[in-house]
Amino acid sequence: PDHLVITGDLTEDGVAAQYDVLRQLLDGCGLEPSRITLLPGNHDGHGLDWAEVLAGPLDRWAATSRPGEGVRLAGLRIVPVSTAVEQPFWKSSGRAPADQLAEVVRTAGAAHELVLLAQHHPPFRVRHHWIHGLHNVSDVAQLLTENPNVSLLYGHMHVARDVEVTPGEGARAFAPCAVVDGADPLRIYAVDGLRLVPVEWGVAAA
């Protein structure tokens, strides 16, 4: 792939030893750090602060994973957003900070290209939302509605899914299956103008 995005819950408890294991796996995957973006999930919010992680065990991936800064590719800009918040162990909710969402909007308005917002939590309400969902889900939904050149990658739900923002326009929010719930957690996408298009394995192989 040109670029790999890992959509959060990088660890079980967010502690340094678990990030060390992740670092070893990433070092052995064959992709340069400049081609990988890492996102924190709710599990990662229970331990080290994400800024500490990017300054410490995952420093090699900081340039492409720092919230709000973005990665420029041909015809595409990826803007990572951290939805991890400090909370009790029994909660798995998140929040997309206003300043990071503002950077996505600024980037989308200045770019005549696809902008990919990448965050752990989904842009829609979920069951028991106050425990599991994105607190300011309406802010992200509004951002997507008002900026048709923005698509979104998310995780959290453990199920591969393509979601329409506006009925009839085609999917603009995408999620993979979780590593812990399926044998095929990798999804491949292609850029087609201002759209992100899932690529079937057969087409990719051909």
N, C-alpha and C. Protein backbone atom coordinates (compact mmCIF):
# COMPACT_ATOMS: atom_id res chain seq x y z
N PRO A 1 0.83 -1.21 0.00
CA PRO A 1 0.00 0.00 0.00
C PRO A 1 0.86 1.26 0.00
N ASP A 2 0.29 2.35 -0.52
CA ASP A 2 0.98 3.64 -0.42
C ASP A 2 1.04 4.11 1.03
N HIS A 3 -0.06 3.83 1.77
CA HIS A 3 -0.11 4.29 3.15
C HIS A 3 -1.01 3.37 3.95
N LEU A 4 -0.63 3.13 5.20
CA LEU A 4 -1.39 2.27 6.11
C LEU A 4 -1.89 3.10 7.28
N VAL A 5 -3.21 3.01 7.55
CA VAL A 5 -3.81 3.68 8.70
C VAL A 5 -4.32 2.61 9.66
N ILE A 6 -3.86 2.66 10.91
CA ILE A 6 -4.33 1.73 11.94
C ILE A 6 -5.26 2.51 12.86
N THR A 7 -6.55 2.10 12.90
CA THR A 7 -7.60 2.96 13.43
C THR A 7 -7.86 2.80 14.93
N GLY A 8 -6.83 2.59 15.71
CA GLY A 8 -6.96 2.70 17.15
C GLY A 8 -7.13 1.41 17.91
N ASP A 9 -7.13 1.53 19.24
CA ASP A 9 -6.98 0.39 20.14
C ASP A 9 -5.71 -0.36 19.77
N LEU A 10 -4.61 0.38 19.81
CA LEU A 10 -3.31 -0.17 19.46
C LEU A 10 -2.79 -1.10 20.55
N THR A 11 -3.31 -0.92 21.77
CA THR A 11 -2.90 -1.71 22.93
C THR A 11 -4.15 -2.14 23.69
N GLU A 12 -3.96 -2.95 24.71
CA GLU A 12 -5.07 -3.32 25.59
C GLU A 12 -5.27 -2.30 26.71
N ASP A 13 -4.14 -1.81 27.28
CA ASP A 13 -4.23 -0.95 28.46
C ASP A 13 -3.48 0.37 28.32
N GLY A 14 -2.84 0.63 27.19
CA GLY A 14 -2.15 1.89 26.99
C GLY A 14 -0.87 2.05 27.79
N VAL A 15 -0.24 0.94 28.20
CA VAL A 15 0.98 1.03 29.01
C VAL A 15 2.22 0.88 28.13
N ALA A 16 3.36 1.33 28.65
CA ALA A 16 4.58 1.41 27.85
C ALA A 16 5.00 0.05 27.30
N ALA A 17 4.89 -1.02 28.09
CA ALA A 17 5.32 -2.34 27.63
C ALA A 17 4.54 -2.80 26.41
N GLN A 18 3.25 -2.46 26.36
CA GLN A 18 2.44 -2.86 25.21
C GLN A 18 2.78 -2.03 23.98
N TYR A 19 3.09 -0.75 24.17
CA TYR A 19 3.55 0.06 23.04
C TYR A 19 4.90 -0.44 22.52
N ASP A 20 5.74 -0.97 23.39
CA ASP A 20 7.02 -1.53 22.96
C ASP A 20 6.81 -2.73 22.03
N VAL A 21 5.82 -3.57 22.35
CA VAL A 21 5.49 -4.71 21.48
C VAL A 21 5.01 -4.20 20.13
N LEU A 22 4.14 -3.19 20.14
CA LEU A 22 3.65 -2.62 18.89
C LEU A 22 4.80 -2.07 18.05
N ARG A 23 5.74 -1.38 18.71
CA ARG A 23 6.88 -0.82 17.99
C ARG A 23 7.67 -1.92 17.28
N GLN A 24 7.88 -3.03 17.96
CA GLN A 24 8.61 -4.14 17.35
C GLN A 24 7.86 -4.69 16.13
N LEU A 25 6.53 -4.80 16.24
CA LEU A 25 5.74 -5.29 15.12
C LEU A 25 5.82 -4.32 13.93
N LEU A 26 5.71 -3.03 14.21
CA LEU A 26 5.77 -2.05 13.13
C LEU A 26 7.15 -2.02 12.49
N ASP A 27 8.19 -2.16 13.30
CA ASP A 27 9.55 -2.18 12.76
C ASP A 27 9.74 -3.36 11.79
N GLY A 28 9.02 -4.44 12.02
CA GLY A 28 9.19 -5.63 11.19
C GLY A 28 8.21 -5.75 10.04
N CYS A 29 7.33 -4.75 9.85
CA CYS A 29 6.27 -4.92 8.84
C CYS A 29 6.72 -4.57 7.43
N GLY A 30 7.88 -3.94 7.26
CA GLY A 30 8.38 -3.66 5.92
C GLY A 30 7.98 -2.31 5.36
N LEU A 31 7.22 -1.50 6.11
CA LEU A 31 6.83 -0.17 5.65
C LEU A 31 7.61 0.90 6.42
N GLU A 32 8.07 1.91 5.71
CA GLU A 32 8.75 3.02 6.36
C GLU A 32 7.76 3.76 7.27
N PRO A 33 8.25 4.33 8.38
CA PRO A 33 7.36 5.08 9.27
C PRO A 33 6.56 6.17 8.57
N SER A 34 7.12 6.77 7.53
CA SER A 34 6.42 7.83 6.81
C SER A 34 5.19 7.32 6.07
N ARG A 35 5.03 6.00 5.98
CA ARG A 35 3.89 5.41 5.27
C ARG A 35 2.87 4.79 6.22
N ILE A 36 2.94 5.13 7.50
CA ILE A 36 2.01 4.59 8.49
C ILE A 36 1.46 5.71 9.37
N THR A 37 0.15 5.72 9.56
CA THR A 37 -0.50 6.63 10.51
C THR A 37 -1.18 5.80 11.59
N LEU A 38 -0.92 6.15 12.85
CA LEU A 38 -1.47 5.44 14.00
C LEU A 38 -2.47 6.33 14.72
N LEU A 39 -3.59 5.76 15.13
CA LEU A 39 -4.61 6.50 15.85
C LEU A 39 -4.82 5.89 17.22
N PRO A 40 -4.98 6.71 18.27
CA PRO A 40 -5.30 6.15 19.59
C PRO A 40 -6.79 5.82 19.68
N GLY A 41 -7.11 4.72 20.38
CA GLY A 41 -8.49 4.37 20.65
C GLY A 41 -8.80 4.49 22.13
N ASN A 42 -9.98 4.06 22.51
CA ASN A 42 -10.36 4.16 23.92
C ASN A 42 -9.48 3.32 24.83
N HIS A 43 -9.01 2.15 24.37
CA HIS A 43 -8.10 1.34 25.18
C HIS A 43 -6.79 2.08 25.44
N ASP A 44 -6.33 2.81 24.43
CA ASP A 44 -5.06 3.53 24.56
C ASP A 44 -5.19 4.74 25.49
N GLY A 45 -6.43 5.20 25.74
CA GLY A 45 -6.64 6.35 26.60
C GLY A 45 -6.54 6.05 28.08
N HIS A 46 -6.41 4.76 28.44
CA HIS A 46 -6.36 4.40 29.86
C HIS A 46 -4.95 4.53 30.45
N GLY A 47 -3.92 4.64 29.61
CA GLY A 47 -2.55 4.65 30.10
C GLY A 47 -1.84 5.95 29.80
N LEU A 48 -0.75 5.84 29.04
CA LEU A 48 0.05 7.01 28.70
C LEU A 48 -0.76 7.99 27.85
N ASP A 49 -0.49 9.27 28.05
CA ASP A 49 -1.06 10.30 27.18
C ASP A 49 -0.53 10.12 25.77
N TRP A 50 -1.37 10.38 24.74
CA TRP A 50 -0.96 10.14 23.36
C TRP A 50 0.27 10.97 22.98
N ALA A 51 0.36 12.19 23.48
CA ALA A 51 1.55 13.00 23.20
C ALA A 51 2.80 12.35 23.79
N GLU A 52 2.69 11.74 24.97
CA GLU A 52 3.81 11.01 25.56
C GLU A 52 4.20 9.82 24.70
N VAL A 53 3.21 9.13 24.18
CA VAL A 53 3.47 7.95 23.35
C VAL A 53 4.24 8.36 22.09
N LEU A 54 3.80 9.46 21.45
CA LEU A 54 4.45 9.90 20.22
C LEU A 54 5.83 10.50 20.47
N ALA A 55 6.09 10.91 21.70
CA ALA A 55 7.42 11.40 22.06
C ALA A 55 8.31 10.28 22.57
N GLY A 56 7.71 9.12 22.86
CA GLY A 56 8.45 8.00 23.45
C GLY A 56 8.47 6.77 22.56
N PRO A 57 7.72 5.72 22.91
CA PRO A 57 7.84 4.44 22.20
C PRO A 57 7.46 4.48 20.72
N LEU A 58 6.58 5.40 20.33
CA LEU A 58 6.16 5.47 18.92
C LEU A 58 6.66 6.74 18.25
N ASP A 59 7.81 7.25 18.69
CA ASP A 59 8.32 8.51 18.15
C ASP A 59 8.62 8.45 16.66
N ARG A 60 8.97 7.27 16.15
CA ARG A 60 9.28 7.15 14.72
C ARG A 60 8.06 7.41 13.83
N TRP A 61 6.85 7.29 14.42
CA TRP A 61 5.61 7.48 13.66
C TRP A 61 4.91 8.78 14.04
N ALA A 62 5.58 9.62 14.81
CA ALA A 62 4.95 10.85 15.29
C ALA A 62 4.60 11.80 14.16
N ALA A 63 5.46 11.93 13.17
CA ALA A 63 5.25 12.91 12.11
C ALA A 63 3.98 12.64 11.31
N THR A 64 3.59 11.37 11.21
CA THR A 64 2.41 11.01 10.42
C THR A 64 1.19 10.72 11.30
N SER A 65 1.36 10.76 12.61
CA SER A 65 0.28 10.37 13.53
C SER A 65 -0.12 11.48 14.50
N ARG A 66 0.56 12.61 14.48
CA ARG A 66 0.26 13.69 15.41
C ARG A 66 -1.08 14.32 15.04
N PRO A 67 -2.02 14.40 15.98
CA PRO A 67 -3.36 14.89 15.68
C PRO A 67 -3.37 16.26 15.04
N GLY A 68 -4.18 16.39 14.00
CA GLY A 68 -4.41 17.66 13.35
C GLY A 68 -3.40 18.07 12.31
N GLU A 69 -2.28 17.37 12.21
CA GLU A 69 -1.22 17.84 11.31
C GLU A 69 -1.37 17.33 9.88
N GLY A 70 -1.59 16.05 9.71
CA GLY A 70 -1.89 15.55 8.39
C GLY A 70 -0.71 15.00 7.61
N VAL A 71 -1.05 14.16 6.65
CA VAL A 71 -0.09 13.51 5.77
C VAL A 71 -0.54 13.77 4.34
N ARG A 72 0.38 14.26 3.51
CA ARG A 72 0.04 14.58 2.11
C ARG A 72 0.48 13.45 1.19
N LEU A 73 -0.49 12.93 0.41
CA LEU A 73 -0.21 11.94 -0.61
C LEU A 73 -0.74 12.49 -1.94
N ALA A 74 -0.53 11.76 -3.02
CA ALA A 74 -1.02 12.21 -4.32
C ALA A 74 -2.55 12.20 -4.32
N GLY A 75 -3.16 13.40 -4.43
CA GLY A 75 -4.60 13.51 -4.50
C GLY A 75 -5.32 13.28 -3.19
N LEU A 76 -4.60 13.25 -2.09
CA LEU A 76 -5.20 12.88 -0.81
C LEU A 76 -4.43 13.50 0.34
N ARG A 77 -5.16 13.98 1.33
CA ARG A 77 -4.53 14.40 2.57
C ARG A 77 -5.23 13.70 3.74
N ILE A 78 -4.45 13.02 4.58
CA ILE A 78 -4.97 12.32 5.74
C ILE A 78 -4.75 13.19 6.96
N VAL A 79 -5.82 13.47 7.71
CA VAL A 79 -5.72 14.28 8.92
C VAL A 79 -6.14 13.43 10.12
N PRO A 80 -5.19 12.98 10.96
CA PRO A 80 -5.55 12.18 12.13
C PRO A 80 -6.16 13.04 13.23
N VAL A 81 -7.18 12.48 13.89
CA VAL A 81 -7.84 13.12 15.02
C VAL A 81 -7.83 12.13 16.18
N SER A 82 -7.45 12.58 17.36
CA SER A 82 -7.44 11.72 18.53
C SER A 82 -8.75 11.86 19.29
N THR A 83 -9.53 10.76 19.39
CA THR A 83 -10.77 10.77 20.15
C THR A 83 -10.60 10.15 21.53
N ALA A 84 -9.37 9.79 21.91
CA ALA A 84 -9.11 9.16 23.21
C ALA A 84 -9.28 10.18 24.32
N VAL A 85 -10.01 9.79 25.37
CA VAL A 85 -10.20 10.64 26.54
C VAL A 85 -9.92 9.83 27.80
N GLU A 86 -9.53 10.52 28.86
CA GLU A 86 -9.35 9.85 30.15
C GLU A 86 -10.72 9.56 30.74
N GLN A 87 -10.95 8.31 31.15
CA GLN A 87 -12.27 7.91 31.63
C GLN A 87 -12.15 6.63 32.46
N PRO A 88 -13.19 6.24 33.20
CA PRO A 88 -13.16 4.99 33.95
C PRO A 88 -12.96 3.79 33.02
N PHE A 89 -12.43 2.70 33.55
CA PHE A 89 -12.10 1.54 32.73
C PHE A 89 -13.33 0.92 32.07
N TRP A 90 -14.52 1.14 32.65
CA TRP A 90 -15.74 0.52 32.12
C TRP A 90 -16.38 1.34 31.00
N LYS A 91 -15.81 2.48 30.66
CA LYS A 91 -16.33 3.29 29.55
C LYS A 91 -15.39 3.20 28.36
N SER A 92 -15.97 3.33 27.17
CA SER A 92 -15.15 3.29 25.94
C SER A 92 -15.55 4.40 24.99
N SER A 93 -16.00 5.52 25.55
CA SER A 93 -16.44 6.64 24.72
C SER A 93 -15.26 7.46 24.25
N GLY A 94 -15.54 8.51 23.50
CA GLY A 94 -14.47 9.36 22.99
C GLY A 94 -14.99 10.75 22.67
N ARG A 95 -14.08 11.64 22.32
CA ARG A 95 -14.43 13.00 21.92
C ARG A 95 -13.42 13.49 20.89
N ALA A 96 -13.94 14.10 19.83
CA ALA A 96 -13.07 14.71 18.82
C ALA A 96 -12.86 16.17 19.19
N PRO A 97 -11.64 16.57 19.56
CA PRO A 97 -11.40 17.95 20.00
C PRO A 97 -11.74 18.97 18.92
N ALA A 98 -12.31 20.09 19.36
CA ALA A 98 -12.77 21.12 18.42
C ALA A 98 -11.63 21.67 17.56
N ASP A 99 -10.44 21.84 18.16
CA ASP A 99 -9.33 22.41 17.38
C ASP A 99 -8.88 21.45 16.28
N GLN A 100 -8.94 20.14 16.56
CA GLN A 100 -8.55 19.17 15.54
C GLN A 100 -9.58 19.10 14.42
N LEU A 101 -10.87 19.17 14.76
CA LEU A 101 -11.90 19.20 13.73
C LEU A 101 -11.80 20.48 12.91
N ALA A 102 -11.46 21.60 13.55
CA ALA A 102 -11.30 22.86 12.83
C ALA A 102 -10.17 22.75 11.80
N GLU A 103 -9.11 22.00 12.14
CA GLU A 103 -8.02 21.81 11.19
C GLU A 103 -8.48 20.98 10.00
N VAL A 104 -9.34 20.00 10.22
CA VAL A 104 -9.90 19.22 9.11
C VAL A 104 -10.70 20.13 8.19
N VAL A 105 -11.54 20.99 8.78
CA VAL A 105 -12.36 21.92 7.99
C VAL A 105 -11.47 22.88 7.22
N ARG A 106 -10.45 23.42 7.89
CA ARG A 106 -9.53 24.34 7.21
C ARG A 106 -8.84 23.67 6.04
N THR A 107 -8.38 22.45 6.25
CA THR A 107 -7.70 21.69 5.20
C THR A 107 -8.65 21.41 4.05
N ALA A 108 -9.88 21.02 4.37
CA ALA A 108 -10.85 20.70 3.32
C ALA A 108 -11.19 21.93 2.49
N GLY A 109 -11.31 23.09 3.16
CA GLY A 109 -11.65 24.30 2.44
C GLY A 109 -10.54 24.81 1.55
N ALA A 110 -9.29 24.50 1.93
CA ALA A 110 -8.13 25.00 1.17
C ALA A 110 -7.69 24.01 0.09
N ALA A 111 -8.26 22.80 0.10
CA ALA A 111 -7.77 21.75 -0.79
C ALA A 111 -8.80 21.39 -1.85
N HIS A 112 -8.34 21.22 -3.07
CA HIS A 112 -9.18 20.69 -4.14
C HIS A 112 -8.81 19.21 -4.32
N GLU A 113 -8.91 18.48 -3.23
CA GLU A 113 -8.54 17.08 -3.21
C GLU A 113 -9.32 16.39 -2.11
N LEU A 114 -9.22 15.08 -2.06
CA LEU A 114 -9.88 14.32 -1.02
C LEU A 114 -9.15 14.53 0.31
N VAL A 115 -9.91 14.83 1.34
CA VAL A 115 -9.37 14.94 2.70
C VAL A 115 -9.95 13.78 3.49
N LEU A 116 -9.08 13.03 4.14
CA LEU A 116 -9.48 11.84 4.87
C LEU A 116 -9.31 12.08 6.36
N LEU A 117 -10.41 12.26 7.07
CA LEU A 117 -10.41 12.37 8.52
C LEU A 117 -10.26 10.96 9.08
N ALA A 118 -9.26 10.75 9.93
CA ALA A 118 -9.01 9.42 10.48
C ALA A 118 -9.12 9.49 12.01
N GLN A 119 -10.06 8.73 12.57
CA GLN A 119 -10.26 8.73 14.02
C GLN A 119 -10.79 7.37 14.45
N HIS A 120 -10.75 7.10 15.75
CA HIS A 120 -11.15 5.77 16.23
C HIS A 120 -12.66 5.58 16.30
N HIS A 121 -13.38 6.55 16.82
CA HIS A 121 -14.82 6.40 17.04
C HIS A 121 -15.62 6.72 15.77
N PRO A 122 -16.79 6.07 15.60
CA PRO A 122 -17.59 6.28 14.40
C PRO A 122 -18.35 7.60 14.43
N PRO A 123 -18.77 8.10 13.26
CA PRO A 123 -19.46 9.39 13.18
C PRO A 123 -20.97 9.25 13.28
N PHE A 124 -21.46 8.26 14.01
CA PHE A 124 -22.90 8.07 14.19
C PHE A 124 -23.15 7.55 15.61
N ARG A 125 -24.37 7.65 16.05
CA ARG A 125 -24.73 7.20 17.39
C ARG A 125 -24.73 5.68 17.45
N VAL A 126 -24.33 5.14 18.60
CA VAL A 126 -24.27 3.70 18.81
C VAL A 126 -25.12 3.34 20.03
N ARG A 127 -25.35 2.06 20.21
CA ARG A 127 -26.12 1.60 21.36
C ARG A 127 -25.38 1.96 22.66
N HIS A 128 -26.12 2.40 23.67
CA HIS A 128 -25.53 2.86 24.93
C HIS A 128 -24.47 3.94 24.63
N HIS A 129 -24.90 4.94 23.88
CA HIS A 129 -23.98 5.92 23.32
C HIS A 129 -23.15 6.62 24.38
N TRP A 130 -23.74 6.92 25.54
CA TRP A 130 -23.01 7.65 26.58
C TRP A 130 -21.85 6.83 27.15
N ILE A 131 -21.89 5.52 26.95
CA ILE A 131 -20.80 4.65 27.40
C ILE A 131 -19.80 4.40 26.28
N HIS A 132 -20.30 4.15 25.06
CA HIS A 132 -19.45 3.66 23.97
C HIS A 132 -19.22 4.66 22.83
N GLY A 133 -20.03 5.70 22.76
CA GLY A 133 -20.02 6.53 21.57
C GLY A 133 -19.13 7.75 21.62
N LEU A 134 -19.18 8.51 20.54
CA LEU A 134 -18.44 9.77 20.41
C LEU A 134 -19.31 10.87 21.01
N HIS A 135 -18.81 11.54 22.06
CA HIS A 135 -19.61 12.54 22.78
C HIS A 135 -20.14 13.61 21.84
N ASN A 136 -19.30 14.14 20.98
CA ASN A 136 -19.71 15.21 20.07
C ASN A 136 -19.90 14.69 18.66
N VAL A 137 -20.65 13.59 18.57
CA VAL A 137 -20.86 12.96 17.26
C VAL A 137 -21.52 13.92 16.27
N SER A 138 -22.38 14.83 16.75
CA SER A 138 -23.06 15.76 15.84
C SER A 138 -22.07 16.71 15.17
N ASP A 139 -20.97 17.05 15.87
CA ASP A 139 -19.96 17.94 15.28
C ASP A 139 -19.28 17.26 14.08
N VAL A 140 -18.95 15.98 14.24
CA VAL A 140 -18.30 15.25 13.15
C VAL A 140 -19.28 15.03 12.01
N ALA A 141 -20.52 14.69 12.33
CA ALA A 141 -21.53 14.48 11.29
C ALA A 141 -21.75 15.77 10.49
N GLN A 142 -21.79 16.91 11.18
CA GLN A 142 -21.96 18.19 10.49
C GLN A 142 -20.77 18.50 9.60
N LEU A 143 -19.57 18.22 10.10
CA LEU A 143 -18.36 18.44 9.29
C LEU A 143 -18.44 17.65 7.99
N LEU A 144 -18.84 16.39 8.08
CA LEU A 144 -18.93 15.55 6.88
C LEU A 144 -20.02 16.05 5.94
N THR A 145 -21.15 16.45 6.49
CA THR A 145 -22.26 16.92 5.67
C THR A 145 -21.89 18.18 4.90
N GLU A 146 -21.19 19.09 5.56
CA GLU A 146 -20.87 20.38 4.95
C GLU A 146 -19.64 20.37 4.07
N ASN A 147 -18.87 19.29 4.10
CA ASN A 147 -17.62 19.21 3.31
C ASN A 147 -17.62 17.92 2.50
N PRO A 148 -18.18 17.94 1.30
CA PRO A 148 -18.31 16.72 0.50
C PRO A 148 -16.99 16.11 0.04
N ASN A 149 -15.88 16.87 0.17
CA ASN A 149 -14.58 16.31 -0.18
C ASN A 149 -13.89 15.66 1.01
N VAL A 150 -14.62 15.49 2.14
CA VAL A 150 -14.08 14.82 3.32
C VAL A 150 -14.72 13.45 3.47
N SER A 151 -13.89 12.43 3.60
CA SER A 151 -14.33 11.09 3.98
C SER A 151 -13.69 10.74 5.31
N LEU A 152 -14.09 9.59 5.89
CA LEU A 152 -13.64 9.27 7.23
C LEU A 152 -13.31 7.79 7.36
N LEU A 153 -12.19 7.51 8.02
CA LEU A 153 -11.84 6.15 8.42
C LEU A 153 -12.01 6.05 9.92
N TYR A 154 -12.66 4.97 10.39
CA TYR A 154 -12.83 4.80 11.83
C TYR A 154 -12.68 3.32 12.19
N GLY A 155 -12.64 3.05 13.50
CA GLY A 155 -12.55 1.68 13.99
C GLY A 155 -13.64 1.44 15.02
N HIS A 156 -13.28 0.98 16.19
CA HIS A 156 -14.13 0.91 17.39
C HIS A 156 -15.24 -0.13 17.33
N MET A 157 -15.95 -0.25 16.21
CA MET A 157 -17.13 -1.10 16.15
C MET A 157 -16.80 -2.56 15.86
N HIS A 158 -15.57 -2.85 15.44
CA HIS A 158 -15.08 -4.21 15.18
C HIS A 158 -15.69 -4.85 13.94
N VAL A 159 -16.50 -4.12 13.17
CA VAL A 159 -17.21 -4.68 12.02
C VAL A 159 -16.88 -3.86 10.78
N ALA A 160 -16.53 -4.52 9.68
CA ALA A 160 -16.30 -3.82 8.42
C ALA A 160 -17.61 -3.22 7.93
N ARG A 161 -17.57 -1.93 7.61
CA ARG A 161 -18.82 -1.26 7.24
C ARG A 161 -18.52 -0.03 6.40
N ASP A 162 -19.38 0.24 5.41
CA ASP A 162 -19.34 1.46 4.62
C ASP A 162 -20.61 2.25 4.91
N VAL A 163 -20.47 3.53 5.26
CA VAL A 163 -21.60 4.32 5.75
C VAL A 163 -21.80 5.55 4.87
N GLU A 164 -23.05 5.78 4.46
CA GLU A 164 -23.39 7.00 3.73
C GLU A 164 -23.55 8.16 4.70
N VAL A 165 -23.07 9.33 4.34
CA VAL A 165 -23.30 10.54 5.11
C VAL A 165 -24.63 11.16 4.71
N THR A 166 -24.83 11.28 3.40
CA THR A 166 -26.09 11.76 2.83
C THR A 166 -26.70 10.63 2.01
N PRO A 167 -27.95 10.25 2.25
CA PRO A 167 -28.57 9.14 1.52
C PRO A 167 -28.46 9.30 0.01
N GLY A 168 -28.02 8.23 -0.64
CA GLY A 168 -27.94 8.21 -2.09
C GLY A 168 -26.64 8.69 -2.69
N GLU A 169 -25.74 9.24 -1.88
CA GLU A 169 -24.50 9.80 -2.44
C GLU A 169 -23.36 8.79 -2.47
N GLY A 170 -23.54 7.63 -1.83
CA GLY A 170 -22.45 6.67 -1.70
C GLY A 170 -21.72 6.84 -0.39
N ALA A 171 -21.05 5.79 0.03
CA ALA A 171 -20.40 5.78 1.34
C ALA A 171 -19.24 6.78 1.42
N ARG A 172 -19.12 7.43 2.59
CA ARG A 172 -17.98 8.31 2.85
C ARG A 172 -17.33 8.03 4.19
N ALA A 173 -17.83 7.04 4.94
CA ALA A 173 -17.20 6.63 6.19
C ALA A 173 -17.00 5.12 6.14
N PHE A 174 -15.79 4.69 6.51
CA PHE A 174 -15.40 3.30 6.28
C PHE A 174 -14.71 2.72 7.52
N ALA A 175 -14.97 1.44 7.80
CA ALA A 175 -14.34 0.77 8.93
C ALA A 175 -13.93 -0.64 8.54
N PRO A 176 -12.86 -1.16 9.13
CA PRO A 176 -12.45 -2.55 8.91
C PRO A 176 -12.98 -3.44 10.03
N CYS A 177 -12.87 -4.74 9.82
CA CYS A 177 -13.08 -5.69 10.91
C CYS A 177 -11.92 -5.56 11.89
N ALA A 178 -12.18 -5.80 13.17
CA ALA A 178 -11.12 -5.73 14.17
C ALA A 178 -10.23 -6.97 14.11
N VAL A 179 -8.97 -6.79 14.43
CA VAL A 179 -8.01 -7.91 14.46
C VAL A 179 -8.50 -9.03 15.37
N VAL A 180 -9.13 -8.67 16.49
CA VAL A 180 -9.55 -9.67 17.46
C VAL A 180 -10.83 -10.39 17.06
N ASP A 181 -11.49 -9.93 15.99
CA ASP A 181 -12.78 -10.51 15.61
C ASP A 181 -12.83 -11.11 14.21
N GLY A 182 -11.71 -11.11 13.52
CA GLY A 182 -11.76 -11.65 12.16
C GLY A 182 -10.38 -11.91 11.61
N ALA A 183 -10.32 -12.78 10.62
CA ALA A 183 -9.04 -13.15 10.02
C ALA A 183 -8.61 -12.17 8.94
N ASP A 184 -9.46 -11.21 8.57
CA ASP A 184 -9.15 -10.30 7.48
C ASP A 184 -9.40 -8.85 7.91
N PRO A 185 -8.56 -8.29 8.79
CA PRO A 185 -8.78 -6.94 9.29
C PRO A 185 -8.26 -5.83 8.38
N LEU A 186 -7.65 -6.19 7.27
CA LEU A 186 -7.08 -5.19 6.37
C LEU A 186 -8.07 -4.86 5.26
N ARG A 187 -8.32 -3.57 5.06
CA ARG A 187 -9.12 -3.12 3.92
C ARG A 187 -8.23 -2.25 3.04
N ILE A 188 -8.48 -2.34 1.74
CA ILE A 188 -7.71 -1.58 0.76
C ILE A 188 -8.65 -0.60 0.05
N TYR A 189 -8.19 0.64 -0.11
CA TYR A 189 -8.99 1.66 -0.76
C TYR A 189 -8.17 2.32 -1.86
N ALA A 190 -8.88 2.84 -2.84
CA ALA A 190 -8.26 3.63 -3.89
C ALA A 190 -8.89 5.02 -3.88
N VAL A 191 -8.16 6.01 -4.37
CA VAL A 191 -8.67 7.36 -4.49
C VAL A 191 -9.19 7.57 -5.91
N ASP A 192 -10.44 8.01 -6.02
CA ASP A 192 -11.05 8.29 -7.32
C ASP A 192 -11.60 9.72 -7.27
N GLY A 193 -10.80 10.67 -7.68
CA GLY A 193 -11.20 12.07 -7.58
C GLY A 193 -11.32 12.48 -6.13
N LEU A 194 -12.53 12.90 -5.74
CA LEU A 194 -12.78 13.30 -4.36
C LEU A 194 -13.43 12.18 -3.56
N ARG A 195 -13.36 10.95 -4.05
CA ARG A 195 -13.99 9.83 -3.39
C ARG A 195 -12.94 8.80 -2.97
N LEU A 196 -13.22 8.14 -1.83
CA LEU A 196 -12.45 6.99 -1.40
C LEU A 196 -13.26 5.75 -1.75
N VAL A 197 -12.64 4.80 -2.47
CA VAL A 197 -13.37 3.65 -2.99
C VAL A 197 -12.76 2.37 -2.44
N PRO A 198 -13.55 1.54 -1.73
CA PRO A 198 -13.02 0.24 -1.30
C PRO A 198 -12.68 -0.63 -2.50
N VAL A 199 -11.55 -1.31 -2.42
CA VAL A 199 -11.09 -2.17 -3.51
C VAL A 199 -11.21 -3.63 -3.08
N GLU A 200 -11.91 -4.41 -3.88
CA GLU A 200 -12.01 -5.84 -3.57
C GLU A 200 -10.66 -6.51 -3.77
N TRP A 201 -10.42 -7.56 -3.00
CA TRP A 201 -9.14 -8.25 -3.09
C TRP A 201 -8.85 -8.75 -4.51
N GLY A 202 -9.86 -9.26 -5.18
CA GLY A 202 -9.65 -9.78 -6.53
C GLY A 202 -9.18 -8.72 -7.49
N VAL A 203 -9.79 -7.53 -7.40
CA VAL A 203 -9.39 -6.42 -8.25
C VAL A 203 -7.98 -5.97 -7.94
N ALA A 204 -7.68 -5.91 -6.61
CA ALA A 204 -6.34 -5.49 -6.19
C ALA A 204 -5.28 -6.47 -6.70
N ALA A 205 -5.59 -7.77 -6.61
CA ALA A 205 -4.64 -8.77 -7.07
C ALA A 205 -4.43 -8.69 -8.58
N ALA A 206 -5.52 -8.45 -9.31
CA ALA A 206 -5.41 -8.35 -10.76
C ALA A 206 -4.62 -7.12 -11.18
